[in-house]
N, C-alpha and C. Protein backbone atom coordinates (compact mmCIF):
# COMPACT_ATOMS: atom_id res chain seq x y z
N MET A 1 1.24 2.93 19.07
CA MET A 1 0.21 3.04 18.06
C MET A 1 0.03 1.69 17.38
N GLN A 2 -1.20 1.22 17.38
CA GLN A 2 -1.54 -0.03 16.69
C GLN A 2 -1.68 0.25 15.19
N ILE A 3 -1.13 -0.63 14.39
CA ILE A 3 -1.15 -0.44 12.94
C ILE A 3 -1.71 -1.68 12.26
N THR A 4 -2.56 -1.43 11.28
CA THR A 4 -2.97 -2.48 10.34
C THR A 4 -2.17 -2.26 9.07
N THR A 5 -1.61 -3.33 8.55
CA THR A 5 -0.95 -3.24 7.25
C THR A 5 -1.90 -3.78 6.20
N ILE A 6 -2.05 -3.02 5.13
CA ILE A 6 -2.84 -3.42 3.97
C ILE A 6 -1.88 -3.63 2.82
N ILE A 7 -1.72 -4.88 2.41
CA ILE A 7 -0.85 -5.18 1.28
C ILE A 7 -1.72 -5.26 0.03
N LEU A 8 -1.47 -4.34 -0.90
CA LEU A 8 -2.20 -4.32 -2.16
C LEU A 8 -1.59 -5.37 -3.09
N ALA A 9 -2.29 -6.49 -3.25
CA ALA A 9 -1.76 -7.60 -4.04
C ALA A 9 -2.71 -8.03 -5.15
N GLY A 10 -3.75 -7.27 -5.38
CA GLY A 10 -4.79 -7.72 -6.29
C GLY A 10 -4.80 -7.08 -7.66
N GLY A 11 -3.69 -6.46 -8.04
CA GLY A 11 -3.65 -5.81 -9.34
C GLY A 11 -3.78 -6.80 -10.49
N LEU A 12 -4.02 -6.27 -11.67
CA LEU A 12 -4.21 -7.12 -12.85
C LEU A 12 -2.89 -7.62 -13.42
N SER A 13 -1.77 -6.97 -13.09
CA SER A 13 -0.44 -7.39 -13.55
C SER A 13 -0.37 -7.53 -15.07
N LYS A 14 -1.01 -6.63 -15.79
CA LYS A 14 -1.05 -6.72 -17.25
C LYS A 14 0.34 -6.66 -17.87
N ARG A 15 1.16 -5.71 -17.43
CA ARG A 15 2.50 -5.57 -18.02
C ARG A 15 3.41 -6.73 -17.64
N MET A 16 3.19 -7.28 -16.44
CA MET A 16 4.03 -8.41 -16.00
C MET A 16 3.60 -9.70 -16.68
N GLY A 17 2.32 -9.83 -16.97
CA GLY A 17 1.83 -11.02 -17.65
C GLY A 17 1.53 -12.18 -16.71
N THR A 18 1.76 -12.01 -15.42
CA THR A 18 1.46 -13.03 -14.42
C THR A 18 1.25 -12.33 -13.08
N ASP A 19 0.68 -13.04 -12.13
CA ASP A 19 0.39 -12.47 -10.81
C ASP A 19 1.69 -12.02 -10.14
N LYS A 20 1.86 -10.72 -9.97
CA LYS A 20 3.10 -10.18 -9.39
C LYS A 20 3.31 -10.67 -7.95
N ALA A 21 2.25 -10.81 -7.20
CA ALA A 21 2.38 -11.20 -5.81
C ALA A 21 3.05 -12.56 -5.65
N LEU A 22 2.92 -13.43 -6.66
CA LEU A 22 3.48 -14.78 -6.57
C LEU A 22 4.83 -14.91 -7.28
N LEU A 23 5.35 -13.81 -7.82
CA LEU A 23 6.68 -13.84 -8.41
C LEU A 23 7.73 -13.98 -7.32
N GLU A 24 8.79 -14.69 -7.63
CA GLU A 24 9.85 -14.88 -6.64
C GLU A 24 11.01 -13.93 -6.88
N LEU A 25 11.53 -13.42 -5.77
CA LEU A 25 12.72 -12.59 -5.76
C LEU A 25 13.56 -13.07 -4.59
N ASP A 26 14.76 -13.52 -4.88
CA ASP A 26 15.64 -14.07 -3.84
C ASP A 26 14.98 -15.20 -3.05
N GLY A 27 14.25 -16.07 -3.75
CA GLY A 27 13.69 -17.27 -3.14
C GLY A 27 12.38 -17.11 -2.40
N ARG A 28 11.82 -15.89 -2.39
CA ARG A 28 10.54 -15.67 -1.73
C ARG A 28 9.63 -14.90 -2.68
N THR A 29 8.32 -15.18 -2.59
CA THR A 29 7.38 -14.42 -3.42
C THR A 29 7.34 -12.97 -2.94
N LEU A 30 6.89 -12.10 -3.81
CA LEU A 30 6.77 -10.69 -3.42
C LEU A 30 5.79 -10.53 -2.26
N LEU A 31 4.74 -11.36 -2.26
CA LEU A 31 3.78 -11.30 -1.16
C LEU A 31 4.43 -11.76 0.15
N GLU A 32 5.22 -12.81 0.12
CA GLU A 32 5.92 -13.26 1.33
C GLU A 32 6.87 -12.18 1.84
N ARG A 33 7.56 -11.53 0.93
CA ARG A 33 8.49 -10.46 1.32
C ARG A 33 7.75 -9.33 2.03
N ALA A 34 6.59 -8.93 1.48
CA ALA A 34 5.81 -7.86 2.09
C ALA A 34 5.29 -8.28 3.48
N ILE A 35 4.82 -9.51 3.58
CA ILE A 35 4.33 -10.01 4.87
C ILE A 35 5.46 -10.04 5.89
N ASP A 36 6.62 -10.56 5.49
CA ASP A 36 7.76 -10.64 6.41
C ASP A 36 8.21 -9.26 6.87
N LEU A 37 8.15 -8.28 5.98
CA LEU A 37 8.53 -6.91 6.34
C LEU A 37 7.58 -6.33 7.37
N CYS A 38 6.29 -6.52 7.17
CA CYS A 38 5.28 -5.83 7.97
C CYS A 38 4.80 -6.57 9.22
N LYS A 39 4.95 -7.88 9.23
CA LYS A 39 4.44 -8.68 10.34
C LYS A 39 4.95 -8.22 11.71
N PRO A 40 6.25 -7.89 11.88
CA PRO A 40 6.74 -7.53 13.21
C PRO A 40 6.09 -6.31 13.85
N PHE A 41 5.62 -5.35 13.08
CA PHE A 41 5.08 -4.13 13.68
C PHE A 41 3.58 -3.96 13.45
N SER A 42 2.93 -4.95 12.85
CA SER A 42 1.50 -4.85 12.56
C SER A 42 0.69 -5.66 13.56
N SER A 43 -0.33 -5.04 14.11
CA SER A 43 -1.22 -5.81 14.98
C SER A 43 -2.25 -6.56 14.14
N GLU A 44 -2.36 -6.17 12.87
CA GLU A 44 -3.29 -6.81 11.94
C GLU A 44 -2.70 -6.67 10.54
N LEU A 45 -2.86 -7.70 9.74
CA LEU A 45 -2.37 -7.67 8.36
C LEU A 45 -3.48 -8.14 7.44
N LEU A 46 -3.81 -7.31 6.45
CA LEU A 46 -4.85 -7.63 5.48
C LEU A 46 -4.25 -7.63 4.08
N ILE A 47 -4.68 -8.59 3.26
CA ILE A 47 -4.23 -8.66 1.88
C ILE A 47 -5.40 -8.24 0.99
N SER A 48 -5.19 -7.16 0.26
CA SER A 48 -6.20 -6.68 -0.68
C SER A 48 -6.00 -7.43 -2.00
N SER A 49 -6.96 -8.31 -2.31
CA SER A 49 -6.81 -9.13 -3.51
C SER A 49 -8.13 -9.79 -3.88
N ASN A 50 -8.30 -10.01 -5.17
CA ASN A 50 -9.43 -10.77 -5.66
C ASN A 50 -8.99 -12.16 -6.11
N HIS A 51 -7.74 -12.53 -5.78
CA HIS A 51 -7.17 -13.81 -6.20
C HIS A 51 -7.17 -14.80 -5.04
N GLN A 52 -7.83 -15.92 -5.22
CA GLN A 52 -7.92 -16.94 -4.17
C GLN A 52 -6.56 -17.54 -3.82
N ALA A 53 -5.61 -17.52 -4.75
CA ALA A 53 -4.28 -18.08 -4.48
C ALA A 53 -3.60 -17.35 -3.32
N HIS A 54 -4.02 -16.14 -3.01
CA HIS A 54 -3.40 -15.37 -1.93
C HIS A 54 -3.90 -15.77 -0.55
N THR A 55 -4.93 -16.62 -0.50
CA THR A 55 -5.45 -17.08 0.80
C THR A 55 -4.51 -18.07 1.47
N THR A 56 -3.58 -18.65 0.74
CA THR A 56 -2.67 -19.66 1.28
C THR A 56 -1.62 -19.09 2.22
N PHE A 57 -1.54 -17.76 2.35
CA PHE A 57 -0.51 -17.14 3.18
C PHE A 57 -0.94 -16.96 4.64
N GLY A 58 -2.20 -17.30 4.94
CA GLY A 58 -2.64 -17.31 6.33
C GLY A 58 -3.18 -15.99 6.87
N TYR A 59 -3.40 -15.02 6.00
CA TYR A 59 -3.94 -13.73 6.43
C TYR A 59 -5.24 -13.48 5.69
N PRO A 60 -6.12 -12.66 6.27
CA PRO A 60 -7.38 -12.37 5.59
C PRO A 60 -7.14 -11.73 4.22
N VAL A 61 -7.83 -12.26 3.23
CA VAL A 61 -7.79 -11.69 1.88
C VAL A 61 -9.11 -10.96 1.68
N ILE A 62 -9.01 -9.67 1.44
CA ILE A 62 -10.19 -8.82 1.32
C ILE A 62 -10.41 -8.51 -0.16
N GLU A 63 -11.53 -8.95 -0.68
CA GLU A 63 -11.86 -8.64 -2.08
C GLU A 63 -12.41 -7.23 -2.17
N ASP A 64 -12.24 -6.63 -3.34
CA ASP A 64 -12.77 -5.29 -3.57
C ASP A 64 -14.29 -5.29 -3.46
N GLU A 65 -14.79 -4.46 -2.57
CA GLU A 65 -16.24 -4.30 -2.43
C GLU A 65 -16.82 -3.64 -3.68
N ILE A 66 -16.07 -2.69 -4.22
CA ILE A 66 -16.46 -2.00 -5.45
C ILE A 66 -15.40 -2.35 -6.49
N LYS A 67 -15.80 -3.07 -7.51
CA LYS A 67 -14.86 -3.62 -8.50
C LYS A 67 -14.40 -2.57 -9.52
N ASN A 68 -13.25 -2.87 -10.10
CA ASN A 68 -12.72 -2.14 -11.26
C ASN A 68 -12.44 -0.66 -11.01
N CYS A 69 -11.94 -0.33 -9.83
CA CYS A 69 -11.56 1.07 -9.60
C CYS A 69 -10.11 1.20 -9.13
N GLY A 70 -9.33 0.12 -9.28
CA GLY A 70 -7.91 0.19 -8.99
C GLY A 70 -7.58 0.19 -7.51
N PRO A 71 -6.39 0.70 -7.17
CA PRO A 71 -5.93 0.66 -5.78
C PRO A 71 -6.87 1.33 -4.78
N ILE A 72 -7.55 2.39 -5.18
CA ILE A 72 -8.44 3.09 -4.25
C ILE A 72 -9.54 2.15 -3.75
N GLY A 73 -9.97 1.22 -4.61
CA GLY A 73 -11.00 0.25 -4.22
C GLY A 73 -10.48 -0.74 -3.19
N GLY A 74 -9.24 -1.19 -3.37
CA GLY A 74 -8.64 -2.09 -2.39
C GLY A 74 -8.41 -1.41 -1.06
N ILE A 75 -7.94 -0.19 -1.11
CA ILE A 75 -7.72 0.57 0.12
C ILE A 75 -9.05 0.77 0.85
N TYR A 76 -10.08 1.15 0.12
CA TYR A 76 -11.40 1.37 0.72
C TYR A 76 -11.92 0.10 1.40
N SER A 77 -11.88 -1.02 0.69
CA SER A 77 -12.42 -2.28 1.24
C SER A 77 -11.65 -2.71 2.48
N CYS A 78 -10.34 -2.54 2.47
CA CYS A 78 -9.54 -2.96 3.62
C CYS A 78 -9.68 -2.00 4.80
N LEU A 79 -9.75 -0.70 4.52
CA LEU A 79 -9.97 0.24 5.62
C LEU A 79 -11.27 -0.06 6.35
N LYS A 80 -12.29 -0.47 5.61
CA LYS A 80 -13.57 -0.81 6.24
C LYS A 80 -13.41 -2.00 7.19
N ARG A 81 -12.53 -2.92 6.86
CA ARG A 81 -12.32 -4.13 7.69
C ARG A 81 -11.25 -3.94 8.76
N SER A 82 -10.49 -2.88 8.68
CA SER A 82 -9.38 -2.65 9.60
C SER A 82 -9.87 -2.43 11.02
N SER A 83 -9.11 -2.97 11.98
CA SER A 83 -9.42 -2.80 13.40
C SER A 83 -8.75 -1.57 13.99
N ASN A 84 -7.86 -0.93 13.23
CA ASN A 84 -7.07 0.17 13.76
C ASN A 84 -7.32 1.47 13.00
N ASP A 85 -7.02 2.58 13.67
CA ASP A 85 -7.17 3.88 13.03
C ASP A 85 -6.11 4.09 11.94
N TRP A 86 -4.86 3.75 12.24
CA TRP A 86 -3.78 3.98 11.28
C TRP A 86 -3.47 2.70 10.51
N ASN A 87 -3.32 2.89 9.20
CA ASN A 87 -3.13 1.77 8.28
C ASN A 87 -2.00 2.06 7.32
N LEU A 88 -1.04 1.17 7.30
CA LEU A 88 0.03 1.26 6.32
C LEU A 88 -0.45 0.58 5.05
N VAL A 89 -0.41 1.29 3.93
CA VAL A 89 -0.73 0.71 2.64
C VAL A 89 0.59 0.47 1.93
N LEU A 90 0.78 -0.78 1.49
CA LEU A 90 2.02 -1.16 0.83
C LEU A 90 1.70 -1.98 -0.41
N SER A 91 2.14 -1.51 -1.55
CA SER A 91 1.95 -2.24 -2.80
C SER A 91 2.92 -3.42 -2.84
N VAL A 92 2.41 -4.58 -3.22
CA VAL A 92 3.22 -5.80 -3.21
C VAL A 92 4.39 -5.72 -4.19
N ASP A 93 4.31 -4.85 -5.19
CA ASP A 93 5.37 -4.78 -6.19
C ASP A 93 6.47 -3.78 -5.86
N THR A 94 6.57 -3.40 -4.58
CA THR A 94 7.65 -2.53 -4.10
C THR A 94 8.47 -3.28 -3.06
N PRO A 95 9.28 -4.26 -3.50
CA PRO A 95 9.94 -5.16 -2.56
C PRO A 95 11.18 -4.61 -1.85
N PHE A 96 11.54 -3.36 -2.12
CA PHE A 96 12.77 -2.84 -1.52
C PHE A 96 12.50 -1.80 -0.43
N VAL A 97 11.27 -1.72 0.03
CA VAL A 97 10.93 -0.82 1.13
C VAL A 97 11.60 -1.35 2.40
N GLN A 98 12.11 -0.44 3.20
CA GLN A 98 12.84 -0.79 4.42
C GLN A 98 11.99 -0.50 5.66
N LYS A 99 12.14 -1.34 6.68
CA LYS A 99 11.41 -1.15 7.93
C LYS A 99 11.72 0.22 8.55
N SER A 100 12.96 0.63 8.50
CA SER A 100 13.33 1.93 9.07
C SER A 100 12.59 3.07 8.37
N PHE A 101 12.31 2.92 7.08
CA PHE A 101 11.56 3.95 6.36
C PHE A 101 10.10 3.97 6.82
N ILE A 102 9.53 2.80 7.02
CA ILE A 102 8.16 2.72 7.52
C ILE A 102 8.07 3.35 8.91
N ASP A 103 9.07 3.08 9.76
CA ASP A 103 9.11 3.69 11.09
C ASP A 103 9.14 5.21 10.98
N PHE A 104 9.93 5.72 10.04
CA PHE A 104 10.02 7.15 9.79
C PHE A 104 8.65 7.73 9.41
N LEU A 105 7.95 7.07 8.47
CA LEU A 105 6.63 7.55 8.07
C LEU A 105 5.65 7.53 9.24
N LYS A 106 5.72 6.48 10.02
CA LYS A 106 4.82 6.34 11.18
C LYS A 106 4.97 7.52 12.14
N GLU A 107 6.18 7.99 12.31
CA GLU A 107 6.44 9.12 13.21
C GLU A 107 5.86 10.43 12.66
N GLU A 108 5.50 10.45 11.40
CA GLU A 108 4.99 11.66 10.76
C GLU A 108 3.45 11.74 10.74
N THR A 109 2.78 10.77 11.38
CA THR A 109 1.31 10.72 11.32
C THR A 109 0.65 11.88 12.06
N ARG A 110 1.08 12.17 13.26
CA ARG A 110 0.55 13.25 14.09
C ARG A 110 -0.95 13.49 13.88
N ASN A 111 -1.34 14.70 13.51
CA ASN A 111 -2.76 15.04 13.36
C ASN A 111 -3.21 15.04 11.90
N PHE A 112 -2.57 14.25 11.08
CA PHE A 112 -2.90 14.19 9.66
C PHE A 112 -3.87 13.04 9.38
N GLU A 113 -4.39 13.01 8.16
CA GLU A 113 -5.25 11.92 7.71
C GLU A 113 -4.49 10.94 6.83
N ALA A 114 -3.39 11.40 6.26
CA ALA A 114 -2.56 10.55 5.41
C ALA A 114 -1.12 11.05 5.49
N VAL A 115 -0.19 10.12 5.34
CA VAL A 115 1.23 10.45 5.29
C VAL A 115 1.79 9.78 4.05
N VAL A 116 2.32 10.61 3.15
CA VAL A 116 2.75 10.12 1.84
C VAL A 116 4.16 10.61 1.55
N PRO A 117 5.07 9.69 1.24
CA PRO A 117 6.42 10.13 0.88
C PRO A 117 6.44 10.82 -0.48
N VAL A 118 7.34 11.80 -0.59
CA VAL A 118 7.53 12.54 -1.83
C VAL A 118 9.03 12.61 -2.10
N HIS A 119 9.40 12.41 -3.35
CA HIS A 119 10.80 12.57 -3.76
C HIS A 119 10.82 13.12 -5.18
N GLU A 120 11.67 14.10 -5.40
CA GLU A 120 11.79 14.74 -6.71
C GLU A 120 10.42 15.12 -7.27
N GLY A 121 9.53 15.59 -6.38
CA GLY A 121 8.19 16.00 -6.79
C GLY A 121 7.22 14.88 -7.04
N LYS A 122 7.65 13.64 -6.90
CA LYS A 122 6.79 12.48 -7.16
C LYS A 122 6.22 11.95 -5.84
N LYS A 123 4.90 11.76 -5.82
CA LYS A 123 4.23 11.22 -4.63
C LYS A 123 4.17 9.70 -4.72
N GLU A 124 4.25 9.04 -3.58
CA GLU A 124 4.19 7.57 -3.49
C GLU A 124 3.00 7.15 -2.63
N PRO A 125 1.78 7.22 -3.17
CA PRO A 125 0.59 6.93 -2.36
C PRO A 125 0.38 5.45 -2.03
N LEU A 126 1.22 4.56 -2.60
CA LEU A 126 1.07 3.13 -2.32
C LEU A 126 2.16 2.60 -1.38
N ILE A 127 2.87 3.52 -0.76
CA ILE A 127 3.78 3.23 0.36
C ILE A 127 3.49 4.34 1.36
N ALA A 128 2.34 4.27 2.01
CA ALA A 128 1.85 5.42 2.77
C ALA A 128 0.94 4.98 3.91
N PHE A 129 0.69 5.91 4.81
CA PHE A 129 -0.24 5.69 5.91
C PHE A 129 -1.55 6.43 5.64
N TYR A 130 -2.66 5.75 5.93
CA TYR A 130 -3.99 6.34 5.80
C TYR A 130 -4.76 6.10 7.09
N HIS A 131 -5.42 7.13 7.57
CA HIS A 131 -6.25 7.02 8.76
C HIS A 131 -7.63 6.50 8.35
N LYS A 132 -8.22 5.72 9.22
CA LYS A 132 -9.53 5.14 8.93
C LYS A 132 -10.61 6.22 8.71
N SER A 133 -10.38 7.40 9.27
CA SER A 133 -11.35 8.49 9.12
C SER A 133 -11.47 8.97 7.67
N THR A 134 -10.60 8.50 6.78
CA THR A 134 -10.65 8.90 5.36
C THR A 134 -11.73 8.15 4.58
N LEU A 135 -12.33 7.14 5.19
CA LEU A 135 -13.31 6.31 4.49
C LEU A 135 -14.43 7.10 3.79
N PRO A 136 -15.08 8.06 4.45
CA PRO A 136 -16.16 8.79 3.75
C PRO A 136 -15.67 9.53 2.50
N GLU A 137 -14.49 10.13 2.58
CA GLU A 137 -13.96 10.86 1.42
C GLU A 137 -13.61 9.89 0.29
N ILE A 138 -13.05 8.74 0.64
CA ILE A 138 -12.73 7.73 -0.38
C ILE A 138 -14.01 7.25 -1.04
N ARG A 139 -15.02 6.99 -0.24
CA ARG A 139 -16.31 6.54 -0.77
C ARG A 139 -16.91 7.57 -1.73
N THR A 140 -16.84 8.84 -1.34
CA THR A 140 -17.36 9.92 -2.18
C THR A 140 -16.63 9.94 -3.53
N MET A 141 -15.33 9.79 -3.49
CA MET A 141 -14.56 9.81 -4.74
C MET A 141 -14.92 8.62 -5.63
N ILE A 142 -15.01 7.44 -5.04
CA ILE A 142 -15.35 6.25 -5.82
C ILE A 142 -16.75 6.41 -6.43
N GLU A 143 -17.69 6.86 -5.63
CA GLU A 143 -19.06 7.04 -6.14
C GLU A 143 -19.11 8.07 -7.28
N GLY A 144 -18.18 9.03 -7.24
CA GLY A 144 -18.11 10.04 -8.29
C GLY A 144 -17.29 9.59 -9.50
N GLY A 145 -16.78 8.36 -9.45
CA GLY A 145 -16.00 7.83 -10.58
C GLY A 145 -14.58 8.36 -10.64
N ASP A 146 -14.10 8.95 -9.57
CA ASP A 146 -12.74 9.48 -9.52
C ASP A 146 -11.87 8.53 -8.70
N TYR A 147 -11.02 7.80 -9.38
CA TYR A 147 -10.24 6.74 -8.72
C TYR A 147 -8.78 7.12 -8.51
N LYS A 148 -8.41 8.35 -8.78
CA LYS A 148 -7.01 8.76 -8.69
C LYS A 148 -6.65 9.12 -7.25
N LEU A 149 -5.67 8.40 -6.72
CA LEU A 149 -5.23 8.65 -5.35
C LEU A 149 -4.63 10.04 -5.20
N HIS A 150 -4.01 10.55 -6.24
CA HIS A 150 -3.41 11.89 -6.15
C HIS A 150 -4.49 12.95 -5.88
N PHE A 151 -5.68 12.77 -6.45
CA PHE A 151 -6.77 13.71 -6.17
C PHE A 151 -7.31 13.51 -4.76
N LEU A 152 -7.36 12.27 -4.31
CA LEU A 152 -7.78 12.00 -2.93
C LEU A 152 -6.85 12.72 -1.95
N LEU A 153 -5.56 12.61 -2.18
CA LEU A 153 -4.59 13.20 -1.26
C LEU A 153 -4.73 14.72 -1.19
N GLN A 154 -5.19 15.34 -2.26
CA GLN A 154 -5.42 16.79 -2.26
C GLN A 154 -6.62 17.15 -1.39
N ARG A 155 -7.56 16.22 -1.25
CA ARG A 155 -8.78 16.48 -0.49
C ARG A 155 -8.61 16.16 1.00
N LEU A 156 -7.56 15.41 1.33
CA LEU A 156 -7.31 15.02 2.72
C LEU A 156 -6.30 15.97 3.36
N ASN A 157 -6.22 15.91 4.67
CA ASN A 157 -5.16 16.60 5.39
C ASN A 157 -3.93 15.69 5.33
N THR A 158 -3.16 15.85 4.26
CA THR A 158 -2.05 14.94 3.96
C THR A 158 -0.72 15.57 4.33
N ASN A 159 0.10 14.79 4.99
CA ASN A 159 1.48 15.18 5.28
C ASN A 159 2.35 14.59 4.17
N PHE A 160 2.77 15.44 3.24
CA PHE A 160 3.67 15.01 2.17
C PHE A 160 5.09 15.12 2.72
N VAL A 161 5.71 13.96 2.95
CA VAL A 161 6.99 13.91 3.63
C VAL A 161 8.12 13.78 2.61
N GLU A 162 9.01 14.76 2.60
CA GLU A 162 10.15 14.74 1.69
C GLU A 162 11.03 13.53 2.05
N SER A 163 11.31 12.71 1.05
CA SER A 163 12.01 11.44 1.30
C SER A 163 13.25 11.27 0.43
N GLY A 164 13.75 12.36 -0.13
CA GLY A 164 14.93 12.29 -0.98
C GLY A 164 16.15 11.71 -0.29
N GLU A 165 16.35 12.05 0.97
CA GLU A 165 17.50 11.52 1.72
C GLU A 165 17.41 10.00 1.86
N TRP A 166 16.20 9.50 2.03
CA TRP A 166 16.01 8.05 2.12
C TRP A 166 16.36 7.38 0.81
N LEU A 167 16.01 8.02 -0.28
CA LEU A 167 16.30 7.48 -1.61
C LEU A 167 17.81 7.45 -1.87
N GLU A 168 18.52 8.42 -1.33
CA GLU A 168 19.98 8.40 -1.44
C GLU A 168 20.55 7.21 -0.67
N LYS A 169 19.99 6.92 0.47
CA LYS A 169 20.45 5.81 1.31
C LYS A 169 20.04 4.45 0.71
N TYR A 170 18.82 4.37 0.17
CA TYR A 170 18.28 3.15 -0.42
C TYR A 170 17.78 3.46 -1.83
N PRO A 171 18.66 3.42 -2.83
CA PRO A 171 18.29 3.84 -4.19
C PRO A 171 17.10 3.09 -4.80
N LYS A 172 16.83 1.87 -4.36
CA LYS A 172 15.72 1.10 -4.92
C LYS A 172 14.44 1.22 -4.08
N LEU A 173 14.45 2.07 -3.09
CA LEU A 173 13.36 2.18 -2.12
C LEU A 173 11.98 2.21 -2.77
N PHE A 174 11.81 3.01 -3.80
CA PHE A 174 10.50 3.18 -4.42
C PHE A 174 10.35 2.42 -5.73
N GLN A 175 11.29 1.56 -6.04
CA GLN A 175 11.26 0.85 -7.32
C GLN A 175 10.08 -0.12 -7.37
N ASN A 176 9.30 0.00 -8.45
CA ASN A 176 8.19 -0.92 -8.71
C ASN A 176 8.64 -1.98 -9.69
N LEU A 177 8.17 -3.20 -9.48
CA LEU A 177 8.41 -4.29 -10.44
C LEU A 177 7.14 -4.43 -11.27
N ASN A 178 7.17 -3.86 -12.46
CA ASN A 178 5.97 -3.83 -13.29
C ASN A 178 6.01 -4.77 -14.48
N CYS A 179 7.21 -5.05 -15.01
CA CYS A 179 7.32 -5.91 -16.18
C CYS A 179 8.49 -6.87 -15.99
N PRO A 180 8.54 -7.96 -16.76
CA PRO A 180 9.56 -8.99 -16.55
C PRO A 180 10.99 -8.45 -16.48
N GLU A 181 11.32 -7.44 -17.28
CA GLU A 181 12.70 -6.94 -17.25
C GLU A 181 13.04 -6.21 -15.95
N ASP A 182 12.04 -5.81 -15.16
CA ASP A 182 12.30 -5.17 -13.87
C ASP A 182 12.87 -6.16 -12.85
N ILE A 183 12.61 -7.43 -13.06
CA ILE A 183 13.10 -8.44 -12.13
C ILE A 183 14.51 -8.83 -12.50
């Protein structure tokens, strides 16, 4: 299965106070870490961002076609540009995701439109797989002013994959870096 990886790197980073994608962790920026993680299994890699500084990493930077609607806008714009049916969406501020976990999610795609990990009742729509066929539904939601991914997932044929065992193995798996003290 050919996969496009969409790295969501264009957030406003209000709580962090600086561009999260360019923050360093263990000597590499968060964007470099995401690229290094996904490059080996991706036939295409797209960076969802409105920041020109992200063009220096050598991958296409896709600006939001529809502005100010959050992650759903970045996902929509990148899915439109994607060359593949299946797309891994990965938020740049989740630097502890493991390749083995992505492989696990990939195996759960089957006949679904989205594959989203769930742990302790919490959904993780920004470490998930989305099929390109979801574009019309995403467009409908954006046009209706509904930008919540959780509502989108209710409208799609979504495989909510229980991931508690993975969290036991990798306690930081879903940790987001949102503010300076998180680093």
